[in-house]
Amino acid sequence: MHSAGALRGISARVDRFCRDRRGVAAIEFAFIVPVLLIMYFITMEASQAIETSKKVSRIGSMVADLVTQQQAVVKADLDAMMQIGTSTLQPYNRSLPTIIITGIQITDEASPRVQVAWSRKLVGTTYTVDAAKNTITTVPSTLKIRNTFLVRVESDLGYKPIITWSASNSQTLGLTSVFNNISMSETYYLRPRRSPTIPCSDC
């Protein structure tokens, strides 16, 4: 009798345990939360990457616009313009852009040559010359018009997603594959606005 009663008691407890749904919500929550967090970070990162890409394009257009409003420039002017361009990336600060400004002279010949008149480059925080004077370069065929001057601005950024970046650069957080450095770049060509050419006296 006691054995049969004990068995019925155990059976009743097992039956109650099987019908108890109080822990289901907690288990479901534990499974869903990581998925929701991943979706949140992906959405946040995608929107920030798109905004940063727009800013990289804006660097090129803004710097080109500033240069082509000048009648003449010096290295200090070009360096200041590139620094202004860099500041447009804020508040993004996980990597620094490369900016190259090139003055291009297309010669007045039957088969015009596309030559570098002067150039200036910013890599991180270092300012240097890019291509040497009179170096042959290229421009789109629609812009290759004899005896004309062009200003080319190239902006490039290795975008680092926050899920793969650490301030010390000693390690990355989360994903460490192809997503840890996304290349963003843009090239703009503009013509001088106030003079036929824009010389740089000390470039």
N, C-alpha and C. Protein backbone atom coordinates (compact mmCIF):
# COMPACT_ATOMS: atom_id res chain seq x y z
N MET A 1 0.84 -1.20 0.00
CA MET A 1 0.00 0.00 0.00
C MET A 1 0.87 1.24 0.00
N HIS A 2 1.85 1.24 0.89
CA HIS A 2 2.73 2.41 0.95
C HIS A 2 3.48 2.58 -0.35
N SER A 3 3.92 1.45 -0.95
CA SER A 3 4.67 1.51 -2.21
C SER A 3 3.80 2.07 -3.33
N ALA A 4 2.53 1.61 -3.37
CA ALA A 4 1.62 2.10 -4.42
C ALA A 4 1.34 3.58 -4.23
N GLY A 5 1.17 4.00 -2.98
CA GLY A 5 0.93 5.42 -2.72
C GLY A 5 2.11 6.27 -3.08
N ALA A 6 3.32 5.78 -2.78
CA ALA A 6 4.53 6.53 -3.13
C ALA A 6 4.67 6.68 -4.63
N LEU A 7 4.35 5.59 -5.35
CA LEU A 7 4.43 5.66 -6.80
C LEU A 7 3.44 6.67 -7.37
N ARG A 8 2.21 6.66 -6.78
CA ARG A 8 1.22 7.62 -7.26
C ARG A 8 1.67 9.06 -6.98
N GLY A 9 2.33 9.26 -5.82
CA GLY A 9 2.84 10.59 -5.48
C GLY A 9 3.91 11.06 -6.45
N ILE A 10 4.83 10.14 -6.76
CA ILE A 10 5.90 10.47 -7.72
C ILE A 10 5.31 10.77 -9.08
N SER A 11 4.34 9.92 -9.48
CA SER A 11 3.70 10.11 -10.78
C SER A 11 2.99 11.45 -10.85
N ALA A 12 2.34 11.84 -9.74
CA ALA A 12 1.64 13.13 -9.72
C ALA A 12 2.62 14.28 -9.83
N ARG A 13 3.77 14.17 -9.14
CA ARG A 13 4.77 15.24 -9.20
C ARG A 13 5.37 15.36 -10.60
N VAL A 14 5.64 14.19 -11.22
CA VAL A 14 6.17 14.21 -12.58
C VAL A 14 5.17 14.83 -13.54
N ASP A 15 3.90 14.49 -13.34
CA ASP A 15 2.85 15.04 -14.19
C ASP A 15 2.75 16.55 -14.03
N ARG A 16 2.84 17.04 -12.78
CA ARG A 16 2.80 18.48 -12.55
C ARG A 16 4.01 19.18 -13.16
N PHE A 17 5.16 18.52 -13.05
CA PHE A 17 6.38 19.09 -13.63
C PHE A 17 6.26 19.23 -15.15
N CYS A 18 5.70 18.19 -15.78
CA CYS A 18 5.55 18.22 -17.23
C CYS A 18 4.57 19.29 -17.68
N ARG A 19 3.56 19.57 -16.84
CA ARG A 19 2.56 20.57 -17.22
C ARG A 19 2.97 22.00 -16.84
N ASP A 20 4.00 22.13 -16.02
CA ASP A 20 4.43 23.45 -15.54
C ASP A 20 5.10 24.22 -16.67
N ARG A 21 4.58 25.39 -17.01
CA ARG A 21 5.12 26.21 -18.10
C ARG A 21 5.76 27.50 -17.58
N ARG A 22 5.95 27.60 -16.28
CA ARG A 22 6.47 28.85 -15.73
C ARG A 22 7.89 29.17 -16.19
N GLY A 23 8.72 28.20 -16.51
CA GLY A 23 10.11 28.46 -16.94
C GLY A 23 10.28 28.60 -18.44
N VAL A 24 9.20 28.37 -19.21
CA VAL A 24 9.31 28.42 -20.67
C VAL A 24 9.70 29.80 -21.16
N ALA A 25 9.06 30.84 -20.59
CA ALA A 25 9.34 32.21 -21.01
C ALA A 25 10.80 32.58 -20.78
N ALA A 26 11.34 32.15 -19.63
CA ALA A 26 12.74 32.46 -19.33
C ALA A 26 13.68 31.78 -20.32
N ILE A 27 13.37 30.53 -20.67
CA ILE A 27 14.21 29.80 -21.63
C ILE A 27 14.13 30.45 -23.01
N GLU A 28 12.91 30.79 -23.44
CA GLU A 28 12.74 31.46 -24.73
C GLU A 28 13.49 32.79 -24.75
N PHE A 29 13.41 33.53 -23.66
CA PHE A 29 14.10 34.82 -23.56
C PHE A 29 15.61 34.63 -23.70
N ALA A 30 16.13 33.59 -23.06
CA ALA A 30 17.57 33.32 -23.13
C ALA A 30 18.02 33.01 -24.55
N PHE A 31 17.14 32.38 -25.34
CA PHE A 31 17.49 32.09 -26.73
C PHE A 31 17.34 33.32 -27.63
N ILE A 32 16.34 34.14 -27.37
CA ILE A 32 16.02 35.27 -28.25
C ILE A 32 16.94 36.46 -28.04
N VAL A 33 17.35 36.72 -26.80
CA VAL A 33 18.15 37.91 -26.50
C VAL A 33 19.43 38.00 -27.33
N PRO A 34 20.24 36.93 -27.45
CA PRO A 34 21.44 37.04 -28.29
C PRO A 34 21.13 37.39 -29.73
N VAL A 35 20.06 36.82 -30.29
CA VAL A 35 19.67 37.12 -31.66
C VAL A 35 19.28 38.59 -31.80
N LEU A 36 18.51 39.09 -30.84
CA LEU A 36 18.10 40.50 -30.88
C LEU A 36 19.30 41.43 -30.75
N LEU A 37 20.25 41.08 -29.89
CA LEU A 37 21.44 41.91 -29.73
C LEU A 37 22.28 41.93 -31.00
N ILE A 38 22.42 40.77 -31.64
CA ILE A 38 23.17 40.70 -32.90
C ILE A 38 22.50 41.56 -33.96
N MET A 39 21.17 41.46 -34.08
CA MET A 39 20.44 42.27 -35.06
C MET A 39 20.59 43.76 -34.77
N TYR A 40 20.58 44.12 -33.49
CA TYR A 40 20.74 45.53 -33.11
C TYR A 40 22.10 46.06 -33.53
N PHE A 41 23.17 45.30 -33.21
CA PHE A 41 24.51 45.76 -33.54
C PHE A 41 24.73 45.82 -35.05
N ILE A 42 24.17 44.86 -35.79
CA ILE A 42 24.31 44.87 -37.24
C ILE A 42 23.61 46.09 -37.82
N THR A 43 22.41 46.38 -37.35
CA THR A 43 21.67 47.55 -37.84
C THR A 43 22.41 48.83 -37.50
N MET A 44 22.90 48.94 -36.27
CA MET A 44 23.64 50.13 -35.85
C MET A 44 24.90 50.31 -36.68
N GLU A 45 25.63 49.21 -36.89
CA GLU A 45 26.89 49.29 -37.63
C GLU A 45 26.65 49.63 -39.10
N ALA A 46 25.60 49.06 -39.68
CA ALA A 46 25.31 49.35 -41.09
C ALA A 46 24.97 50.82 -41.28
N SER A 47 24.16 51.37 -40.40
CA SER A 47 23.79 52.79 -40.54
C SER A 47 25.00 53.69 -40.34
N GLN A 48 25.89 53.34 -39.41
CA GLN A 48 27.09 54.14 -39.18
C GLN A 48 28.06 54.04 -40.36
N ALA A 49 28.17 52.85 -40.94
CA ALA A 49 29.05 52.67 -42.10
C ALA A 49 28.55 53.48 -43.29
N ILE A 50 27.24 53.49 -43.52
CA ILE A 50 26.67 54.26 -44.63
C ILE A 50 26.93 55.75 -44.42
N GLU A 51 26.74 56.22 -43.20
CA GLU A 51 26.98 57.64 -42.90
C GLU A 51 28.45 58.00 -43.07
N THR A 52 29.35 57.12 -42.65
CA THR A 52 30.78 57.39 -42.80
C THR A 52 31.18 57.40 -44.26
N SER A 53 30.61 56.50 -45.06
CA SER A 53 30.89 56.48 -46.50
C SER A 53 30.47 57.80 -47.16
N LYS A 54 29.34 58.33 -46.74
CA LYS A 54 28.90 59.64 -47.26
C LYS A 54 29.89 60.74 -46.88
N LYS A 55 30.43 60.65 -45.66
CA LYS A 55 31.38 61.65 -45.21
C LYS A 55 32.70 61.56 -45.99
N VAL A 56 33.12 60.34 -46.33
CA VAL A 56 34.33 60.17 -47.14
C VAL A 56 34.14 60.84 -48.50
N SER A 57 32.96 60.67 -49.09
CA SER A 57 32.66 61.34 -50.37
C SER A 57 32.65 62.85 -50.19
N ARG A 58 32.12 63.29 -49.04
CA ARG A 58 32.03 64.73 -48.78
C ARG A 58 33.42 65.35 -48.64
N ILE A 59 34.38 64.58 -48.12
CA ILE A 59 35.76 65.08 -48.02
C ILE A 59 36.26 65.50 -49.39
N GLY A 60 36.10 64.60 -50.38
CA GLY A 60 36.59 64.89 -51.72
C GLY A 60 35.93 66.10 -52.34
N SER A 61 34.62 66.17 -52.25
CA SER A 61 33.91 67.28 -52.88
C SER A 61 34.22 68.60 -52.19
N MET A 62 34.32 68.60 -50.86
CA MET A 62 34.57 69.83 -50.11
C MET A 62 35.98 70.34 -50.35
N VAL A 63 36.97 69.45 -50.27
CA VAL A 63 38.36 69.87 -50.48
C VAL A 63 38.56 70.35 -51.91
N ALA A 64 38.01 69.64 -52.88
CA ALA A 64 38.12 70.07 -54.28
C ALA A 64 37.48 71.44 -54.47
N ASP A 65 36.35 71.66 -53.84
CA ASP A 65 35.66 72.95 -53.95
C ASP A 65 36.51 74.07 -53.35
N LEU A 66 37.14 73.81 -52.20
CA LEU A 66 37.99 74.83 -51.57
C LEU A 66 39.20 75.17 -52.43
N VAL A 67 39.84 74.15 -52.99
CA VAL A 67 41.04 74.39 -53.80
C VAL A 67 40.70 75.17 -55.06
N THR A 68 39.62 74.80 -55.74
CA THR A 68 39.31 75.43 -57.03
C THR A 68 38.78 76.85 -56.89
N GLN A 69 38.52 77.30 -55.67
CA GLN A 69 38.16 78.71 -55.47
C GLN A 69 39.37 79.62 -55.34
N GLN A 70 40.58 79.01 -55.27
CA GLN A 70 41.82 79.79 -55.11
C GLN A 70 42.41 80.13 -56.48
N GLN A 71 43.14 81.24 -56.51
CA GLN A 71 43.88 81.60 -57.72
C GLN A 71 45.31 81.07 -57.67
N ALA A 72 45.80 80.84 -56.47
CA ALA A 72 47.12 80.24 -56.24
C ALA A 72 47.13 79.66 -54.84
N VAL A 73 47.99 78.67 -54.63
CA VAL A 73 48.06 78.02 -53.32
C VAL A 73 49.52 77.81 -52.93
N VAL A 74 49.71 77.52 -51.64
CA VAL A 74 51.01 77.06 -51.14
C VAL A 74 50.75 75.79 -50.32
N LYS A 75 51.80 75.11 -49.93
CA LYS A 75 51.64 73.85 -49.21
C LYS A 75 50.79 74.01 -47.96
N ALA A 76 51.01 75.10 -47.23
CA ALA A 76 50.26 75.30 -45.98
C ALA A 76 48.76 75.40 -46.25
N ASP A 77 48.39 76.03 -47.37
CA ASP A 77 46.96 76.12 -47.73
C ASP A 77 46.38 74.73 -47.98
N LEU A 78 47.08 73.94 -48.75
CA LEU A 78 46.59 72.60 -49.08
C LEU A 78 46.50 71.72 -47.84
N ASP A 79 47.52 71.83 -46.97
CA ASP A 79 47.50 71.04 -45.74
C ASP A 79 46.31 71.42 -44.86
N ALA A 80 46.03 72.72 -44.77
CA ALA A 80 44.89 73.18 -43.96
C ALA A 80 43.57 72.67 -44.54
N MET A 81 43.45 72.67 -45.85
CA MET A 81 42.22 72.19 -46.49
C MET A 81 42.01 70.70 -46.24
N MET A 82 43.10 69.94 -46.30
CA MET A 82 42.99 68.51 -46.03
C MET A 82 42.63 68.26 -44.56
N GLN A 83 43.15 69.09 -43.66
CA GLN A 83 42.81 68.95 -42.25
C GLN A 83 41.33 69.25 -42.02
N ILE A 84 40.81 70.24 -42.71
CA ILE A 84 39.37 70.54 -42.64
C ILE A 84 38.57 69.33 -43.14
N GLY A 85 39.03 68.74 -44.24
CA GLY A 85 38.35 67.56 -44.77
C GLY A 85 38.33 66.42 -43.77
N THR A 86 39.45 66.22 -43.08
CA THR A 86 39.51 65.15 -42.07
C THR A 86 38.53 65.37 -40.95
N SER A 87 38.35 66.63 -40.57
CA SER A 87 37.46 66.93 -39.44
C SER A 87 36.00 66.60 -39.74
N THR A 88 35.64 66.50 -41.02
CA THR A 88 34.24 66.19 -41.36
C THR A 88 33.86 64.76 -40.99
N LEU A 89 34.86 63.92 -40.73
CA LEU A 89 34.56 62.52 -40.36
C LEU A 89 34.01 62.39 -38.94
N GLN A 90 34.26 63.38 -38.12
CA GLN A 90 33.81 63.29 -36.73
C GLN A 90 32.30 63.07 -36.64
N PRO A 91 31.81 62.29 -35.69
CA PRO A 91 32.53 61.72 -34.54
C PRO A 91 33.25 60.41 -34.82
N TYR A 92 33.20 59.91 -36.07
CA TYR A 92 33.95 58.68 -36.36
C TYR A 92 35.44 58.96 -36.17
N ASN A 93 36.14 58.12 -35.41
CA ASN A 93 37.57 58.34 -35.16
C ASN A 93 38.37 57.04 -35.02
N ARG A 94 37.83 55.96 -35.55
CA ARG A 94 38.51 54.67 -35.38
C ARG A 94 39.65 54.46 -36.38
N SER A 95 39.71 55.28 -37.43
CA SER A 95 40.82 55.24 -38.37
C SER A 95 40.92 56.61 -39.02
N LEU A 96 42.06 56.89 -39.64
CA LEU A 96 42.29 58.20 -40.27
C LEU A 96 42.31 58.05 -41.78
N PRO A 97 41.83 59.06 -42.51
CA PRO A 97 41.76 58.95 -43.96
C PRO A 97 43.08 59.29 -44.64
N THR A 98 43.18 58.90 -45.89
CA THR A 98 44.24 59.36 -46.78
C THR A 98 43.59 60.31 -47.78
N ILE A 99 44.18 61.50 -47.93
CA ILE A 99 43.66 62.49 -48.87
C ILE A 99 44.79 62.91 -49.79
N ILE A 100 44.54 62.91 -51.08
CA ILE A 100 45.55 63.33 -52.07
C ILE A 100 44.94 64.42 -52.94
N ILE A 101 45.62 65.56 -53.01
CA ILE A 101 45.21 66.65 -53.90
C ILE A 101 46.25 66.74 -55.01
N THR A 102 45.81 66.73 -56.25
CA THR A 102 46.72 66.80 -57.39
C THR A 102 46.27 67.87 -58.36
N GLY A 103 47.18 68.82 -58.65
CA GLY A 103 46.94 69.77 -59.73
C GLY A 103 47.40 69.15 -61.04
N ILE A 104 46.54 69.14 -62.04
CA ILE A 104 46.84 68.43 -63.29
C ILE A 104 46.78 69.41 -64.46
N GLN A 105 47.87 69.48 -65.22
CA GLN A 105 47.92 70.32 -66.42
C GLN A 105 47.87 69.43 -67.66
N ILE A 106 46.91 69.71 -68.51
CA ILE A 106 46.81 68.99 -69.79
C ILE A 106 47.43 69.89 -70.85
N THR A 107 48.44 69.40 -71.53
CA THR A 107 49.24 70.23 -72.43
C THR A 107 48.47 70.64 -73.68
N ASP A 108 48.96 71.72 -74.29
CA ASP A 108 48.33 72.26 -75.51
C ASP A 108 49.03 71.66 -76.72
N GLU A 109 48.74 70.39 -76.99
CA GLU A 109 49.35 69.67 -78.10
C GLU A 109 48.28 68.86 -78.83
N ALA A 110 48.62 68.45 -80.04
CA ALA A 110 47.67 67.64 -80.81
C ALA A 110 47.32 66.35 -80.06
N SER A 111 48.33 65.76 -79.43
CA SER A 111 48.11 64.60 -78.55
C SER A 111 48.48 65.05 -77.14
N PRO A 112 47.55 65.67 -76.45
CA PRO A 112 47.89 66.29 -75.16
C PRO A 112 48.36 65.28 -74.12
N ARG A 113 49.35 65.72 -73.34
CA ARG A 113 49.84 64.92 -72.22
C ARG A 113 49.17 65.39 -70.94
N VAL A 114 48.91 64.46 -70.06
CA VAL A 114 48.28 64.75 -68.77
C VAL A 114 49.37 64.69 -67.72
N GLN A 115 49.78 65.87 -67.22
CA GLN A 115 50.93 65.95 -66.34
C GLN A 115 50.55 66.49 -64.96
N VAL A 116 51.28 66.02 -63.97
CA VAL A 116 51.11 66.54 -62.61
C VAL A 116 51.81 67.89 -62.51
N ALA A 117 51.05 68.92 -62.13
CA ALA A 117 51.63 70.25 -61.90
C ALA A 117 52.17 70.33 -60.48
N TRP A 118 51.46 69.77 -59.54
CA TRP A 118 51.87 69.70 -58.14
C TRP A 118 50.97 68.69 -57.43
N SER A 119 51.37 68.24 -56.27
CA SER A 119 50.54 67.30 -55.52
C SER A 119 50.85 67.41 -54.03
N ARG A 120 49.88 67.00 -53.24
CA ARG A 120 50.02 67.03 -51.77
C ARG A 120 49.20 65.87 -51.21
N LYS A 121 49.77 65.20 -50.21
CA LYS A 121 49.11 64.02 -49.65
C LYS A 121 49.09 64.08 -48.13
N LEU A 122 47.97 63.64 -47.56
CA LEU A 122 47.85 63.49 -46.12
C LEU A 122 47.55 62.02 -45.82
N VAL A 123 48.45 61.38 -45.09
CA VAL A 123 48.25 60.00 -44.66
C VAL A 123 48.25 59.99 -43.13
N GLY A 124 47.10 59.78 -42.53
CA GLY A 124 47.00 59.85 -41.09
C GLY A 124 47.20 61.28 -40.61
N THR A 125 48.38 61.57 -40.09
CA THR A 125 48.70 62.94 -39.66
C THR A 125 49.97 63.46 -40.35
N THR A 126 50.42 62.76 -41.40
CA THR A 126 51.67 63.11 -42.08
C THR A 126 51.39 63.71 -43.45
N TYR A 127 51.97 64.90 -43.71
CA TYR A 127 51.81 65.59 -44.98
C TYR A 127 53.06 65.39 -45.83
N THR A 128 52.88 64.97 -47.08
CA THR A 128 54.01 64.76 -47.98
C THR A 128 53.59 65.10 -49.40
N VAL A 129 54.59 65.08 -50.29
CA VAL A 129 54.30 65.17 -51.73
C VAL A 129 53.83 63.80 -52.19
N ASP A 130 52.89 63.76 -53.13
CA ASP A 130 52.46 62.48 -53.69
C ASP A 130 53.24 62.20 -54.97
N ALA A 131 52.76 62.66 -56.11
CA ALA A 131 53.47 62.44 -57.38
C ALA A 131 54.35 63.65 -57.69
N ALA A 132 55.52 63.39 -58.27
CA ALA A 132 56.45 64.46 -58.60
C ALA A 132 55.93 65.32 -59.76
N LYS A 133 56.38 66.55 -59.81
CA LYS A 133 55.98 67.46 -60.89
C LYS A 133 56.36 66.88 -62.25
N ASN A 134 55.47 67.06 -63.22
CA ASN A 134 55.62 66.60 -64.61
C ASN A 134 55.46 65.09 -64.77
N THR A 135 55.12 64.39 -63.69
CA THR A 135 54.80 62.97 -63.83
C THR A 135 53.53 62.82 -64.67
N ILE A 136 53.53 61.83 -65.54
CA ILE A 136 52.34 61.57 -66.36
C ILE A 136 51.29 60.86 -65.50
N THR A 137 50.08 61.35 -65.59
CA THR A 137 48.98 60.73 -64.86
C THR A 137 47.81 60.51 -65.82
N THR A 138 46.67 60.14 -65.30
CA THR A 138 45.51 59.86 -66.15
C THR A 138 44.29 60.61 -65.62
N VAL A 139 43.38 60.91 -66.54
CA VAL A 139 42.09 61.49 -66.19
C VAL A 139 41.04 60.81 -67.07
N PRO A 140 39.77 60.87 -66.71
CA PRO A 140 38.74 60.31 -67.59
C PRO A 140 38.80 60.95 -68.97
N SER A 141 38.51 60.17 -69.99
CA SER A 141 38.64 60.66 -71.37
C SER A 141 37.81 61.90 -71.64
N THR A 142 36.66 62.02 -70.99
CA THR A 142 35.80 63.19 -71.21
C THR A 142 36.42 64.47 -70.66
N LEU A 143 37.41 64.34 -69.77
CA LEU A 143 38.06 65.52 -69.19
C LEU A 143 39.41 65.83 -69.84
N LYS A 144 39.84 65.00 -70.76
CA LYS A 144 41.15 65.20 -71.40
C LYS A 144 41.03 66.20 -72.53
N ILE A 145 41.00 67.47 -72.16
CA ILE A 145 40.84 68.58 -73.10
C ILE A 145 42.14 69.38 -73.09
N ARG A 146 42.71 69.60 -74.25
CA ARG A 146 44.02 70.24 -74.35
C ARG A 146 44.00 71.64 -73.74
N ASN A 147 45.13 72.00 -73.13
CA ASN A 147 45.36 73.30 -72.52
C ASN A 147 44.33 73.63 -71.44
N THR A 148 44.04 72.64 -70.60
CA THR A 148 43.14 72.87 -69.46
C THR A 148 43.81 72.39 -68.17
N PHE A 149 43.26 72.83 -67.07
CA PHE A 149 43.80 72.50 -65.75
C PHE A 149 42.71 71.86 -64.92
N LEU A 150 43.07 70.83 -64.17
CA LEU A 150 42.12 70.13 -63.31
C LEU A 150 42.70 69.98 -61.91
N VAL A 151 41.81 69.92 -60.95
CA VAL A 151 42.20 69.56 -59.58
C VAL A 151 41.52 68.24 -59.26
N ARG A 152 42.32 67.27 -58.88
CA ARG A 152 41.79 65.96 -58.50
C ARG A 152 41.99 65.77 -56.99
N VAL A 153 40.93 65.34 -56.33
CA VAL A 153 41.02 65.04 -54.89
C VAL A 153 40.57 63.60 -54.69
N GLU A 154 41.44 62.80 -54.09
CA GLU A 154 41.14 61.41 -53.78
C GLU A 154 41.05 61.25 -52.26
N SER A 155 39.98 60.68 -51.81
CA SER A 155 39.83 60.42 -50.37
C SER A 155 39.62 58.93 -50.17
N ASP A 156 40.30 58.40 -49.18
CA ASP A 156 40.25 56.95 -48.93
C ASP A 156 40.28 56.71 -47.43
N LEU A 157 39.45 55.75 -46.99
CA LEU A 157 39.39 55.42 -45.57
C LEU A 157 39.23 53.92 -45.39
N GLY A 158 40.02 53.34 -44.51
CA GLY A 158 39.83 51.95 -44.10
C GLY A 158 38.88 51.94 -42.91
N TYR A 159 37.61 51.74 -43.17
CA TYR A 159 36.60 51.81 -42.11
C TYR A 159 36.70 50.61 -41.19
N LYS A 160 36.74 50.87 -39.88
CA LYS A 160 36.82 49.81 -38.89
C LYS A 160 35.51 49.74 -38.11
N PRO A 161 34.72 48.69 -38.31
CA PRO A 161 33.47 48.54 -37.54
C PRO A 161 33.76 48.46 -36.05
N ILE A 162 32.86 48.98 -35.27
CA ILE A 162 33.08 48.99 -33.81
C ILE A 162 33.12 47.58 -33.23
N ILE A 163 32.46 46.61 -33.90
CA ILE A 163 32.47 45.24 -33.38
C ILE A 163 33.79 44.53 -33.64
N THR A 164 34.70 45.16 -34.40
CA THR A 164 36.01 44.54 -34.65
C THR A 164 37.15 45.42 -34.19
N TRP A 165 36.86 46.52 -33.52
CA TRP A 165 37.88 47.51 -33.19
C TRP A 165 38.13 47.59 -31.70
N SER A 166 39.37 47.87 -31.33
CA SER A 166 39.69 48.17 -29.93
C SER A 166 40.60 49.39 -29.92
N ALA A 167 40.47 50.21 -28.90
CA ALA A 167 41.21 51.47 -28.84
C ALA A 167 42.71 51.26 -28.85
N SER A 168 43.19 50.18 -28.27
CA SER A 168 44.62 49.93 -28.19
C SER A 168 45.19 49.31 -29.46
N ASN A 169 44.29 48.86 -30.36
CA ASN A 169 44.69 48.14 -31.57
C ASN A 169 45.45 46.85 -31.27
N SER A 170 45.48 46.45 -30.01
CA SER A 170 46.18 45.22 -29.64
C SER A 170 45.33 43.99 -29.91
N GLN A 171 44.03 44.18 -29.95
CA GLN A 171 43.14 43.07 -30.25
C GLN A 171 41.86 43.63 -30.84
N THR A 172 41.10 42.78 -31.48
CA THR A 172 39.84 43.21 -32.03
C THR A 172 38.71 42.51 -31.30
N LEU A 173 37.56 43.14 -31.35
CA LEU A 173 36.42 42.61 -30.62
C LEU A 173 35.45 41.97 -31.59
N GLY A 174 35.04 40.76 -31.32
CA GLY A 174 34.04 40.12 -32.17
C GLY A 174 34.62 39.62 -33.48
N LEU A 175 34.04 40.09 -34.59
CA LEU A 175 34.44 39.62 -35.91
C LEU A 175 35.85 40.10 -36.23
N THR A 176 36.68 39.24 -36.80
CA THR A 176 38.05 39.62 -37.11
C THR A 176 38.44 39.23 -38.54
N SER A 177 37.48 38.98 -39.38
CA SER A 177 37.80 38.52 -40.74
C SER A 177 37.78 39.70 -41.70
N VAL A 178 37.07 39.55 -42.82
CA VAL A 178 37.07 40.59 -43.85
C VAL A 178 36.38 41.86 -43.41
N PHE A 179 35.66 41.81 -42.31
CA PHE A 179 34.90 42.98 -41.88
C PHE A 179 35.72 43.95 -41.02
N ASN A 180 36.97 43.62 -40.74
CA ASN A 180 37.71 44.49 -39.82
C ASN A 180 38.34 45.70 -40.50
N ASN A 181 38.24 45.81 -41.82
CA ASN A 181 38.77 46.99 -42.53
C ASN A 181 38.05 47.11 -43.87
N ILE A 182 37.03 47.92 -43.90
CA ILE A 182 36.22 48.08 -45.12
C ILE A 182 36.70 49.32 -45.87
N SER A 183 37.12 49.14 -47.11
CA SER A 183 37.67 50.25 -47.89
C SER A 183 36.56 51.15 -48.43
N MET A 184 36.70 52.45 -48.16
CA MET A 184 35.78 53.46 -48.68
C MET A 184 36.62 54.51 -49.40
N SER A 185 36.27 54.84 -50.64
CA SER A 185 37.07 55.82 -51.37
C SER A 185 36.22 56.59 -52.36
N GLU A 186 36.72 57.76 -52.74
CA GLU A 186 36.02 58.61 -53.71
C GLU A 186 37.04 59.49 -54.40
N THR A 187 36.80 59.81 -55.68
CA THR A 187 37.67 60.70 -56.45
C THR A 187 36.83 61.78 -57.11
N TYR A 188 37.27 63.03 -56.96
CA TYR A 188 36.57 64.17 -57.56
C TYR A 188 37.52 64.94 -58.46
N TYR A 189 36.99 65.40 -59.60
CA TYR A 189 37.73 66.30 -60.50
C TYR A 189 36.94 67.59 -60.62
N LEU A 190 37.63 68.72 -60.43
CA LEU A 190 37.00 70.02 -60.63
C LEU A 190 37.96 70.93 -61.38
N ARG A 191 37.40 71.92 -62.09
CA ARG A 191 38.21 72.90 -62.80
C ARG A 191 38.32 74.17 -61.95
N PRO A 192 39.41 74.94 -62.14
CA PRO A 192 39.54 76.21 -61.42
C PRO A 192 38.37 77.13 -61.72
N ARG A 193 37.98 77.94 -60.75
CA ARG A 193 36.83 78.82 -60.92
C ARG A 193 37.22 80.26 -61.18
N ARG A 194 38.41 80.68 -60.68
CA ARG A 194 38.75 82.10 -60.74
C ARG A 194 39.97 82.39 -61.60
N SER A 195 40.58 81.36 -62.15
CA SER A 195 41.76 81.55 -62.99
C SER A 195 41.95 80.31 -63.86
N PRO A 196 42.68 80.44 -64.98
CA PRO A 196 42.87 79.27 -65.85
C PRO A 196 43.60 78.12 -65.16
N THR A 197 44.57 78.44 -64.30
CA THR A 197 45.32 77.43 -63.57
C THR A 197 45.41 77.84 -62.09
N ILE A 198 45.86 76.90 -61.27
CA ILE A 198 46.10 77.19 -59.85
C ILE A 198 47.53 76.76 -59.53
N PRO A 199 48.47 77.67 -59.60
CA PRO A 199 49.86 77.30 -59.29
C PRO A 199 50.09 77.12 -57.79
N CYS A 200 51.06 76.30 -57.47
CA CYS A 200 51.49 76.13 -56.08
C CYS A 200 52.97 76.49 -56.04
N SER A 201 53.31 77.58 -55.38
CA SER A 201 54.66 78.15 -55.47
C SER A 201 55.71 77.32 -54.74
N ASP A 202 55.34 76.57 -53.71
CA ASP A 202 56.35 75.83 -52.95
C ASP A 202 56.08 74.33 -52.87
N CYS A 203 55.20 73.83 -53.73
CA CYS A 203 54.91 72.38 -53.73
C CYS A 203 56.04 71.58 -54.36
